Amino acid sequence: MSYNEMAQLELMNALYAIQSESELDEFKELLTSYFATKAQKAIDALWDEGVINEDTIEQWGAEHMISA
Protein backbone atom coordinates (compact mmCIF):
# COMPACT_ATOMS: atom_id res chain seq x y z
CA MET A 1 0.00 0.00 0.00
CA SER A 2 1.39 3.40 -0.96
CA TYR A 3 1.76 6.32 1.45
CA ASN A 4 -0.92 8.12 -0.52
CA GLU A 5 -3.35 5.25 -0.02
CA MET A 6 -2.49 5.02 3.68
CA ALA A 7 -3.07 8.76 4.06
CA GLN A 8 -6.45 8.46 2.35
CA LEU A 9 -7.45 5.69 4.75
CA GLU A 10 -6.36 7.74 7.75
CA LEU A 11 -8.35 10.73 6.52
CA MET A 12 -11.42 8.57 5.90
CA ASN A 13 -11.16 7.17 9.43
CA ALA A 14 -10.87 10.67 10.86
CA LEU A 15 -13.81 11.91 8.80
CA TYR A 16 -15.92 8.97 9.90
CA ALA A 17 -15.48 10.04 13.52
CA ILE A 18 -16.77 13.59 12.91
CA GLN A 19 -20.20 13.93 14.47
CA SER A 20 -21.01 17.65 14.26
CA GLU A 21 -20.44 20.81 12.29
CA SER A 22 -18.16 22.15 15.03
CA GLU A 23 -16.01 19.01 14.86
CA LEU A 24 -15.82 19.40 11.08
CA ASP A 25 -14.75 23.03 11.52
CA GLU A 26 -12.07 21.94 14.01
CA PHE A 27 -10.83 19.27 11.58
CA LYS A 28 -10.63 21.76 8.72
CA GLU A 29 -8.72 24.20 10.95
CA LEU A 30 -6.31 21.43 11.90
CA LEU A 31 -5.62 20.63 8.23
CA THR A 32 -5.29 24.31 7.37
CA SER A 33 -2.81 24.84 10.18
CA TYR A 34 -0.80 21.76 9.20
CA PHE A 35 -0.40 22.81 5.57
CA ALA A 36 0.23 26.46 6.45
CA THR A 37 3.05 25.36 8.75
CA LYS A 38 4.55 23.17 6.01
CA ALA A 39 4.34 26.06 3.52
CA GLN A 40 5.98 28.47 5.98
CA LYS A 41 8.83 26.04 6.64
CA ALA A 42 9.39 25.62 2.89
CA ILE A 43 9.41 29.40 2.38
CA ASP A 44 11.80 29.85 5.31
CA ALA A 45 14.15 27.26 3.80
CA LEU A 46 14.09 29.05 0.43
CA TRP A 47 14.83 32.33 2.20
CA ASP A 48 17.70 30.81 4.19
CA GLU A 49 19.18 29.32 0.99
CA GLY A 50 18.97 32.70 -0.76
CA VAL A 51 16.55 31.44 -3.39
CA ILE A 52 14.01 34.11 -2.46
CA ASN A 53 14.38 37.55 -0.89
CA GLU A 54 12.33 40.66 -0.14
CA ASP A 55 12.16 41.52 -3.85
CA THR A 56 10.72 38.08 -4.61
CA ILE A 57 8.04 38.51 -1.95
CA GLU A 58 7.11 41.94 -3.32
CA GLN A 59 6.95 40.50 -6.85
CA TRP A 60 4.61 37.74 -5.66
CA GLY A 61 2.40 40.38 -4.06
CA ALA A 62 2.24 42.34 -7.30
CA GLU A 63 1.36 39.17 -9.25
CA HIS A 64 -1.44 38.41 -6.82
CA MET A 65 -2.85 41.89 -7.19
CA ILE A 66 -2.86 41.58 -10.99
CA SER A 67 -4.79 38.31 -11.01
CA ALA A 68 -7.33 39.41 -8.39
PDB file of N, CA and C in Angstrom:
ATOM      1  N   MET A   1       0.850  -1.178   0.000  1.00  0.00           N
ATOM      2  CA  MET A   1       0.000   0.000   0.000  1.00  0.00           C
ATOM      3  C   MET A   1       0.900   1.246   0.000  1.00  0.00           C
ATOM      4  N   SER A   2       0.574   2.186  -0.861  1.00  0.00           N
ATOM      5  CA  SER A   2       1.386   3.402  -0.956  1.00  0.00           C
ATOM      6  C   SER A   2       1.088   4.352   0.211  1.00  0.00           C
ATOM      7  N   TYR A   3       1.990   5.311   0.407  1.00  0.00           N
ATOM      8  CA  TYR A   3       1.764   6.318   1.448  1.00  0.00           C
ATOM      9  C   TYR A   3       0.511   7.128   1.146  1.00  0.00           C
ATOM     10  N   ASN A   4       0.267   7.373  -0.126  1.00  0.00           N
ATOM     11  CA  ASN A   4      -0.922   8.118  -0.521  1.00  0.00           C
ATOM     12  C   ASN A   4      -2.183   7.358  -0.116  1.00  0.00           C
ATOM     13  N   GLU A   5      -2.192   6.079  -0.381  1.00  0.00           N
ATOM     14  CA  GLU A   5      -3.355   5.255  -0.017  1.00  0.00           C
ATOM     15  C   GLU A   5      -3.518   5.170   1.499  1.00  0.00           C
ATOM     16  N   MET A   6      -2.411   5.059   2.218  1.00  0.00           N
ATOM     17  CA  MET A   6      -2.485   5.021   3.683  1.00  0.00           C
ATOM     18  C   MET A   6      -3.022   6.340   4.222  1.00  0.00           C
ATOM     19  N   ALA A   7      -2.591   7.451   3.630  1.00  0.00           N
ATOM     20  CA  ALA A   7      -3.074   8.763   4.057  1.00  0.00           C
ATOM     21  C   ALA A   7      -4.571   8.893   3.803  1.00  0.00           C
ATOM     22  N   GLN A   8      -5.020   8.399   2.661  1.00  0.00           N
ATOM     23  CA  GLN A   8      -6.445   8.456   2.355  1.00  0.00           C
ATOM     24  C   GLN A   8      -7.257   7.663   3.370  1.00  0.00           C
ATOM     25  N   LEU A   9      -6.758   6.499   3.746  1.00  0.00           N
ATOM     26  CA  LEU A   9      -7.451   5.689   4.750  1.00  0.00           C
ATOM     27  C   LEU A   9      -7.497   6.396   6.100  1.00  0.00           C
ATOM     28  N   GLU A  10      -6.394   7.014   6.484  1.00  0.00           N
ATOM     29  CA  GLU A  10      -6.362   7.739   7.750  1.00  0.00           C
ATOM     30  C   GLU A  10      -7.357   8.897   7.742  1.00  0.00           C
ATOM     31  N   LEU A  11      -7.397   9.622   6.623  1.00  0.00           N
ATOM     32  CA  LEU A  11      -8.354  10.725   6.516  1.00  0.00           C
ATOM     33  C   LEU A  11      -9.791  10.220   6.568  1.00  0.00           C
ATOM     34  N   MET A  12     -10.060   9.134   5.875  1.00  0.00           N
ATOM     35  CA  MET A  12     -11.417   8.571   5.901  1.00  0.00           C
ATOM     36  C   MET A  12     -11.804   8.146   7.315  1.00  0.00           C
ATOM     37  N   ASN A  13     -10.875   7.553   8.046  1.00  0.00           N
ATOM     38  CA  ASN A  13     -11.157   7.167   9.433  1.00  0.00           C
ATOM     39  C   ASN A  13     -11.436   8.394  10.289  1.00  0.00           C
ATOM     40  N   ALA A  14     -10.662   9.445  10.090  1.00  0.00           N
ATOM     41  CA  ALA A  14     -10.868  10.671  10.859  1.00  0.00           C
ATOM     42  C   ALA A  14     -12.214  11.298  10.507  1.00  0.00           C
ATOM     43  N   LEU A  15     -12.535  11.330   9.223  1.00  0.00           N
ATOM     44  CA  LEU A  15     -13.805  11.915   8.795  1.00  0.00           C
ATOM     45  C   LEU A  15     -14.998  11.122   9.323  1.00  0.00           C
ATOM     46  N   TYR A  16     -14.848   9.823   9.399  1.00  0.00           N
ATOM     47  CA  TYR A  16     -15.922   8.972   9.902  1.00  0.00           C
ATOM     48  C   TYR A  16     -16.260   9.308  11.352  1.00  0.00           C
ATOM     49  N   ALA A  17     -15.282   9.748  12.104  1.00  0.00           N
ATOM     50  CA  ALA A  17     -15.479  10.043  13.520  1.00  0.00           C
ATOM     51  C   ALA A  17     -16.128  11.406  13.757  1.00  0.00           C
ATOM     52  N   ILE A  18     -16.196  12.254  12.749  1.00  0.00           N
ATOM     53  CA  ILE A  18     -16.774  13.589  12.911  1.00  0.00           C
ATOM     54  C   ILE A  18     -18.285  13.470  13.058  1.00  0.00           C
ATOM     55  N   GLN A  19     -18.795  14.070  14.141  1.00  0.00           N
ATOM     56  CA  GLN A  19     -20.203  13.928  14.468  1.00  0.00           C
ATOM     57  C   GLN A  19     -20.988  15.243  14.446  1.00  0.00           C
ATOM     58  N   SER A  20     -20.302  16.367  14.226  1.00  0.00           N
ATOM     59  CA  SER A  20     -21.012  17.651  14.261  1.00  0.00           C
ATOM     60  C   SER A  20     -20.314  18.665  13.366  1.00  0.00           C
ATOM     61  N   GLU A  21     -21.016  19.745  13.098  1.00  0.00           N
ATOM     62  CA  GLU A  21     -20.438  20.811  12.285  1.00  0.00           C
ATOM     63  C   GLU A  21     -19.229  21.431  12.988  1.00  0.00           C
ATOM     64  N   SER A  22     -19.294  21.561  14.300  1.00  0.00           N
ATOM     65  CA  SER A  22     -18.163  22.149  15.028  1.00  0.00           C
ATOM     66  C   SER A  22     -16.937  21.237  14.958  1.00  0.00           C
ATOM     67  N   GLU A  23     -17.135  19.932  15.013  1.00  0.00           N
ATOM     68  CA  GLU A  23     -16.009  19.010  14.859  1.00  0.00           C
ATOM     69  C   GLU A  23     -15.430  19.090  13.448  1.00  0.00           C
ATOM     70  N   LEU A  24     -16.288  19.241  12.450  1.00  0.00           N
ATOM     71  CA  LEU A  24     -15.817  19.396  11.081  1.00  0.00           C
ATOM     72  C   LEU A  24     -15.004  20.683  10.947  1.00  0.00           C
ATOM     73  N   ASP A  25     -15.493  21.762  11.552  1.00  0.00           N
ATOM     74  CA  ASP A  25     -14.751  23.025  11.524  1.00  0.00           C
ATOM     75  C   ASP A  25     -13.385  22.877  12.193  1.00  0.00           C
ATOM     76  N   GLU A  26     -13.338  22.181  13.315  1.00  0.00           N
ATOM     77  CA  GLU A  26     -12.069  21.939  14.008  1.00  0.00           C
ATOM     78  C   GLU A  26     -11.118  21.124  13.133  1.00  0.00           C
ATOM     79  N   PHE A  27     -11.644  20.117  12.456  1.00  0.00           N
ATOM     80  CA  PHE A  27     -10.835  19.271  11.584  1.00  0.00           C
ATOM     81  C   PHE A  27     -10.263  20.083  10.431  1.00  0.00           C
ATOM     82  N   LYS A  28     -11.097  20.922   9.814  1.00  0.00           N
ATOM     83  CA  LYS A  28     -10.628  21.761   8.716  1.00  0.00           C
ATOM     84  C   LYS A  28      -9.554  22.733   9.201  1.00  0.00           C
ATOM     85  N   GLU A  29      -9.731  23.283  10.397  1.00  0.00           N
ATOM     86  CA  GLU A  29      -8.722  24.197  10.955  1.00  0.00           C
ATOM     87  C   GLU A  29      -7.409  23.460  11.199  1.00  0.00           C
ATOM     88  N   LEU A  30      -7.500  22.242  11.676  1.00  0.00           N
ATOM     89  CA  LEU A  30      -6.308  21.429  11.897  1.00  0.00           C
ATOM     90  C   LEU A  30      -5.550  21.202  10.594  1.00  0.00           C
ATOM     91  N   LEU A  31      -6.265  20.840   9.538  1.00  0.00           N
ATOM     92  CA  LEU A  31      -5.620  20.628   8.235  1.00  0.00           C
ATOM     93  C   LEU A  31      -5.032  21.926   7.687  1.00  0.00           C
ATOM     94  N   THR A  32      -5.772  23.005   7.828  1.00  0.00           N
ATOM     95  CA  THR A  32      -5.293  24.305   7.373  1.00  0.00           C
ATOM     96  C   THR A  32      -4.008  24.690   8.085  1.00  0.00           C
ATOM     97  N   SER A  33      -3.993  24.513   9.379  1.00  0.00           N
ATOM     98  CA  SER A  33      -2.812  24.838  10.177  1.00  0.00           C
ATOM     99  C   SER A  33      -1.622  23.972   9.777  1.00  0.00           C
ATOM    100  N   TYR A  34      -1.861  22.688   9.579  1.00  0.00           N
ATOM    101  CA  TYR A  34      -0.798  21.761   9.198  1.00  0.00           C
ATOM    102  C   TYR A  34      -0.141  22.194   7.886  1.00  0.00           C
ATOM    103  N   PHE A  35      -0.960  22.455   6.868  1.00  0.00           N
ATOM    104  CA  PHE A  35      -0.400  22.812   5.570  1.00  0.00           C
ATOM    105  C   PHE A  35       0.188  24.218   5.555  1.00  0.00           C
ATOM    106  N   ALA A  36      -0.360  25.123   6.341  1.00  0.00           N
ATOM    107  CA  ALA A  36       0.227  26.463   6.449  1.00  0.00           C
ATOM    108  C   ALA A  36       1.607  26.383   7.089  1.00  0.00           C
ATOM    109  N   THR A  37       1.755  25.548   8.097  1.00  0.00           N
ATOM    110  CA  THR A  37       3.050  25.363   8.750  1.00  0.00           C
ATOM    111  C   THR A  37       4.064  24.774   7.780  1.00  0.00           C
ATOM    112  N   LYS A  38       3.643  23.768   7.001  1.00  0.00           N
ATOM    113  CA  LYS A  38       4.548  23.172   6.007  1.00  0.00           C
ATOM    114  C   LYS A  38       4.967  24.213   4.969  1.00  0.00           C
ATOM    115  N   ALA A  39       4.026  25.028   4.514  1.00  0.00           N
ATOM    116  CA  ALA A  39       4.344  26.060   3.520  1.00  0.00           C
ATOM    117  C   ALA A  39       5.316  27.076   4.099  1.00  0.00           C
ATOM    118  N   GLN A  40       5.089  27.487   5.351  1.00  0.00           N
ATOM    119  CA  GLN A  40       5.975  28.469   5.976  1.00  0.00           C
ATOM    120  C   GLN A  40       7.387  27.921   6.134  1.00  0.00           C
ATOM    121  N   LYS A  41       7.506  26.655   6.510  1.00  0.00           N
ATOM    122  CA  LYS A  41       8.831  26.035   6.638  1.00  0.00           C
ATOM    123  C   LYS A  41       9.537  25.977   5.288  1.00  0.00           C
ATOM    124  N   ALA A  42       8.791  25.674   4.231  1.00  0.00           N
ATOM    125  CA  ALA A  42       9.390  25.621   2.892  1.00  0.00           C
ATOM    126  C   ALA A  42       9.848  27.011   2.459  1.00  0.00           C
ATOM    127  N   ILE A  43       9.039  28.019   2.728  1.00  0.00           N
ATOM    128  CA  ILE A  43       9.410  29.395   2.379  1.00  0.00           C
ATOM    129  C   ILE A  43      10.632  29.828   3.187  1.00  0.00           C
ATOM    130  N   ASP A  44      10.642  29.509   4.477  1.00  0.00           N
ATOM    131  CA  ASP A  44      11.798  29.846   5.312  1.00  0.00           C
ATOM    132  C   ASP A  44      13.075  29.197   4.782  1.00  0.00           C
ATOM    133  N   ALA A  45      12.974  27.951   4.340  1.00  0.00           N
ATOM    134  CA  ALA A  45      14.150  27.255   3.798  1.00  0.00           C
ATOM    135  C   ALA A  45      14.630  27.940   2.520  1.00  0.00           C
ATOM    136  N   LEU A  46      13.710  28.335   1.651  1.00  0.00           N
ATOM    137  CA  LEU A  46      14.092  29.047   0.428  1.00  0.00           C
ATOM    138  C   LEU A  46      14.759  30.380   0.756  1.00  0.00           C
ATOM    139  N   TRP A  47      14.245  31.057   1.769  1.00  0.00           N
ATOM    140  CA  TRP A  47      14.830  32.335   2.202  1.00  0.00           C
ATOM    141  C   TRP A  47      16.246  32.109   2.724  1.00  0.00           C
ATOM    142  N   ASP A  48      16.389  31.109   3.600  1.00  0.00           N
ATOM    143  CA  ASP A  48      17.701  30.812   4.192  1.00  0.00           C
ATOM    144  C   ASP A  48      18.726  30.408   3.139  1.00  0.00           C
ATOM    145  N   GLU A  49      18.277  29.753   2.067  1.00  0.00           N
ATOM    146  CA  GLU A  49      19.177  29.320   0.991  1.00  0.00           C
ATOM    147  C   GLU A  49      19.446  30.437  -0.018  1.00  0.00           C
ATOM    148  N   GLY A  50      18.773  31.572   0.149  1.00  0.00           N
ATOM    149  CA  GLY A  50      18.973  32.698  -0.757  1.00  0.00           C
ATOM    150  C   GLY A  50      18.227  32.583  -2.076  1.00  0.00           C
ATOM    151  N   VAL A  51      17.319  31.628  -2.161  1.00  0.00           N
ATOM    152  CA  VAL A  51      16.547  31.439  -3.388  1.00  0.00           C
ATOM    153  C   VAL A  51      15.522  32.564  -3.554  1.00  0.00           C
ATOM    154  N   ILE A  52      14.945  32.988  -2.438  1.00  0.00           N
ATOM    155  CA  ILE A  52      14.015  34.109  -2.464  1.00  0.00           C
ATOM    156  C   ILE A  52      14.504  35.188  -1.506  1.00  0.00           C
ATOM    157  N   ASN A  53      14.030  36.429  -1.753  1.00  0.00           N
ATOM    158  CA  ASN A  53      14.379  37.551  -0.885  1.00  0.00           C
ATOM    159  C   ASN A  53      13.198  38.520  -0.849  1.00  0.00           C
ATOM    160  N   GLU A  54      13.410  39.683  -0.266  1.00  0.00           N
ATOM    161  CA  GLU A  54      12.330  40.658  -0.140  1.00  0.00           C
ATOM    162  C   GLU A  54      11.760  41.051  -1.502  1.00  0.00           C
ATOM    163  N   ASP A  55      12.623  41.184  -2.505  1.00  0.00           N
ATOM    164  CA  ASP A  55      12.158  41.524  -3.854  1.00  0.00           C
ATOM    165  C   ASP A  55      11.225  40.441  -4.407  1.00  0.00           C
ATOM    166  N   THR A  56      11.558  39.187  -4.157  1.00  0.00           N
ATOM    167  CA  THR A  56      10.721  38.080  -4.613  1.00  0.00           C
ATOM    168  C   THR A  56       9.336  38.162  -3.982  1.00  0.00           C
ATOM    169  N   ILE A  57       9.313  38.425  -2.673  1.00  0.00           N
ATOM    170  CA  ILE A  57       8.043  38.513  -1.953  1.00  0.00           C
ATOM    171  C   ILE A  57       7.205  39.659  -2.512  1.00  0.00           C
ATOM    172  N   GLU A  58       7.821  40.800  -2.756  1.00  0.00           N
ATOM    173  CA  GLU A  58       7.108  41.944  -3.318  1.00  0.00           C
ATOM    174  C   GLU A  58       6.584  41.617  -4.710  1.00  0.00           C
ATOM    175  N   GLN A  59       7.371  40.902  -5.511  1.00  0.00           N
ATOM    176  CA  GLN A  59       6.949  40.504  -6.852  1.00  0.00           C
ATOM    177  C   GLN A  59       5.734  39.577  -6.773  1.00  0.00           C
ATOM    178  N   TRP A  60       5.766  38.626  -5.839  1.00  0.00           N
ATOM    179  CA  TRP A  60       4.614  37.737  -5.661  1.00  0.00           C
ATOM    180  C   TRP A  60       3.368  38.542  -5.308  1.00  0.00           C
ATOM    181  N   GLY A  61       3.528  39.535  -4.444  1.00  0.00           N
ATOM    182  CA  GLY A  61       2.404  40.379  -4.059  1.00  0.00           C
ATOM    183  C   GLY A  61       1.822  41.115  -5.245  1.00  0.00           C
ATOM    184  N   ALA A  62       2.696  41.620  -6.106  1.00  0.00           N
ATOM    185  CA  ALA A  62       2.242  42.339  -7.297  1.00  0.00           C
ATOM    186  C   ALA A  62       1.523  41.383  -8.245  1.00  0.00           C
ATOM    187  N   GLU A  63       2.011  40.157  -8.379  1.00  0.00           N
ATOM    188  CA  GLU A  63       1.362  39.169  -9.249  1.00  0.00           C
ATOM    189  C   GLU A  63      -0.018  38.832  -8.727  1.00  0.00           C
ATOM    190  N   HIS A  64      -0.142  38.733  -7.414  1.00  0.00           N
ATOM    191  CA  HIS A  64      -1.437  38.408  -6.815  1.00  0.00           C
ATOM    192  C   HIS A  64      -2.444  39.526  -7.087  1.00  0.00           C
ATOM    193  N   MET A  65      -1.980  40.755  -6.987  1.00  0.00           N
ATOM    194  CA  MET A  65      -2.854  41.890  -7.195  1.00  0.00           C
ATOM    195  C   MET A  65      -3.331  41.956  -8.652  1.00  0.00           C
ATOM    196  N   ILE A  66      -2.501  41.544  -9.574  1.00  0.00           N
ATOM    197  CA  ILE A  66      -2.862  41.582 -10.990  1.00  0.00           C
ATOM    198  C   ILE A  66      -3.959  40.553 -11.283  1.00  0.00           C
ATOM    199  N   SER A  67      -3.856  39.368 -10.701  1.00  0.00           N
ATOM    200  CA  SER A  67      -4.793  38.309 -11.012  1.00  0.00           C
ATOM    201  C   SER A  67      -6.093  38.427 -10.223  1.00  0.00           C
ATOM    202  N   ALA A  68      -6.131  39.310  -9.244  1.00  0.00           N
ATOM    203  CA  ALA A  68      -7.326  39.409  -8.393  1.00  0.00           C
ATOM    204  C   ALA A  68      -8.445  40.171  -9.055  1.00  0.00           C
TER     205      ALA A  68
END
